[in-house]
Amino acid sequence: MREQKGYLFHRGTSWFVRFRDNLKQPDGAFKHVQVCKKLDVDYGGEYRTKASVKSLSKKILGPLNSGTLNPASTQTVIECCRENLPA
């Protein structure tokens, strides 16, 4: 997967970053979905421009871009054991 920069925008007094991620479905398959996360700062003051919150979005996208975030890592121990048991 190529590196994502995300789409930064603000609504009201909040900043958001929108990006794509793989989400594990109940049947075990992975689906590529669009995700939107709220940043921890409010719009205004020193966080009035996209450039001022870009570093905050990089913290969210960093694990995704580095490849350390694995969708299978959200799997529970029970799910893992069921998949590895012989039929």
Protein backbone atom coordinates (compact mmCIF):
# COMPACT_ATOMS: atom_id res chain seq x y z
CA MET A 1 0.00 0.00 0.00
CA ARG A 2 1.35 3.42 -0.85
CA GLU A 3 1.84 6.12 1.74
CA GLN A 4 -1.28 8.04 2.67
CA LYS A 5 -1.37 11.72 3.56
CA GLY A 6 -5.05 11.79 4.47
CA TYR A 7 -7.56 14.52 3.78
CA LEU A 8 -7.64 17.21 6.46
CA PHE A 9 -10.77 19.29 6.99
CA HIS A 10 -12.66 21.06 9.76
CA ARG A 11 -16.33 21.12 10.62
CA GLY A 12 -17.48 23.61 13.21
CA THR A 13 -14.83 23.69 15.91
CA SER A 14 -13.24 20.29 15.16
CA TRP A 15 -10.47 19.05 12.85
CA PHE A 16 -10.76 15.67 11.09
CA VAL A 17 -8.55 13.45 8.94
CA ARG A 18 -10.04 11.07 6.37
CA PHE A 19 -8.10 8.07 5.01
CA ARG A 20 -8.51 4.47 3.77
CA ASP A 21 -7.86 1.37 5.86
CA ASN A 22 -8.47 -2.38 5.83
CA LEU A 23 -11.24 -3.47 8.19
CA LYS A 24 -11.73 -7.07 9.22
CA GLN A 25 -15.22 -8.39 8.50
CA PRO A 26 -17.06 -10.95 10.71
CA ASP A 27 -16.40 -13.68 8.11
CA GLY A 28 -12.62 -13.09 8.40
CA ALA A 29 -12.20 -11.23 5.10
CA PHE A 30 -10.73 -7.74 4.92
CA LYS A 31 -12.54 -4.82 3.31
CA HIS A 32 -10.93 -1.55 2.18
CA VAL A 33 -12.99 1.23 3.81
CA GLN A 34 -12.84 4.98 4.27
CA VAL A 35 -12.19 6.06 7.87
CA CYS A 36 -12.63 9.51 9.42
CA LYS A 37 -11.02 10.36 12.77
CA LYS A 38 -11.34 13.50 14.85
CA LEU A 39 -8.09 15.17 15.85
CA ASP A 40 -7.46 16.05 19.51
CA VAL A 41 -7.39 19.82 18.92
CA ASP A 42 -10.10 22.37 18.22
CA TYR A 43 -10.19 24.61 15.17
CA GLY A 44 -8.95 28.11 15.90
CA GLY A 45 -6.06 29.88 17.57
CA GLU A 46 -2.80 28.19 16.63
CA TYR A 47 -4.73 25.41 14.80
CA ARG A 48 -6.39 27.56 12.17
CA THR A 49 -4.67 26.13 9.06
CA LYS A 50 -4.19 22.65 7.57
CA ALA A 51 -0.44 23.08 7.86
CA SER A 52 -0.74 23.60 11.62
CA VAL A 53 -2.50 20.24 12.16
CA LYS A 54 -0.59 18.21 9.56
CA SER A 55 1.78 16.83 12.21
CA LEU A 56 -1.21 15.59 14.23
CA SER A 57 -2.58 13.70 11.23
CA LYS A 58 0.85 12.14 10.65
CA LYS A 59 0.69 10.65 14.17
CA ILE A 60 -2.55 8.88 13.22
CA LEU A 61 -1.36 7.79 9.79
CA GLY A 62 2.18 6.86 10.89
CA PRO A 63 1.50 3.27 11.98
CA LEU A 64 -0.63 2.68 8.90
CA ASN A 65 2.04 4.00 6.53
CA SER A 66 4.93 2.20 8.23
CA GLY A 67 3.21 -1.15 7.93
CA THR A 68 3.29 -1.81 11.68
CA LEU A 69 -0.50 -1.62 11.87
CA ASN A 70 -1.87 -4.98 10.82
CA PRO A 71 -5.65 -5.51 10.54
CA ALA A 72 -5.23 -9.10 11.74
CA SER A 73 -3.71 -7.81 14.98
CA THR A 74 -7.21 -6.93 16.18
CA GLN A 75 -8.08 -10.61 16.15
CA THR A 76 -9.02 -12.15 19.49
CA VAL A 77 -7.24 -15.22 20.85
CA ILE A 78 -10.38 -17.32 20.37
CA GLU A 79 -10.65 -16.31 16.70
CA CYS A 80 -6.98 -17.09 16.18
CA CYS A 81 -7.31 -20.53 17.78
CA ARG A 82 -10.40 -21.41 15.74
CA GLU A 83 -8.59 -20.62 12.49
CA ASN A 84 -5.56 -22.71 13.41
CA LEU A 85 -7.44 -25.83 14.62
CA PRO A 86 -7.57 -28.79 12.25
CA ALA A 87 -10.99 -29.42 10.73
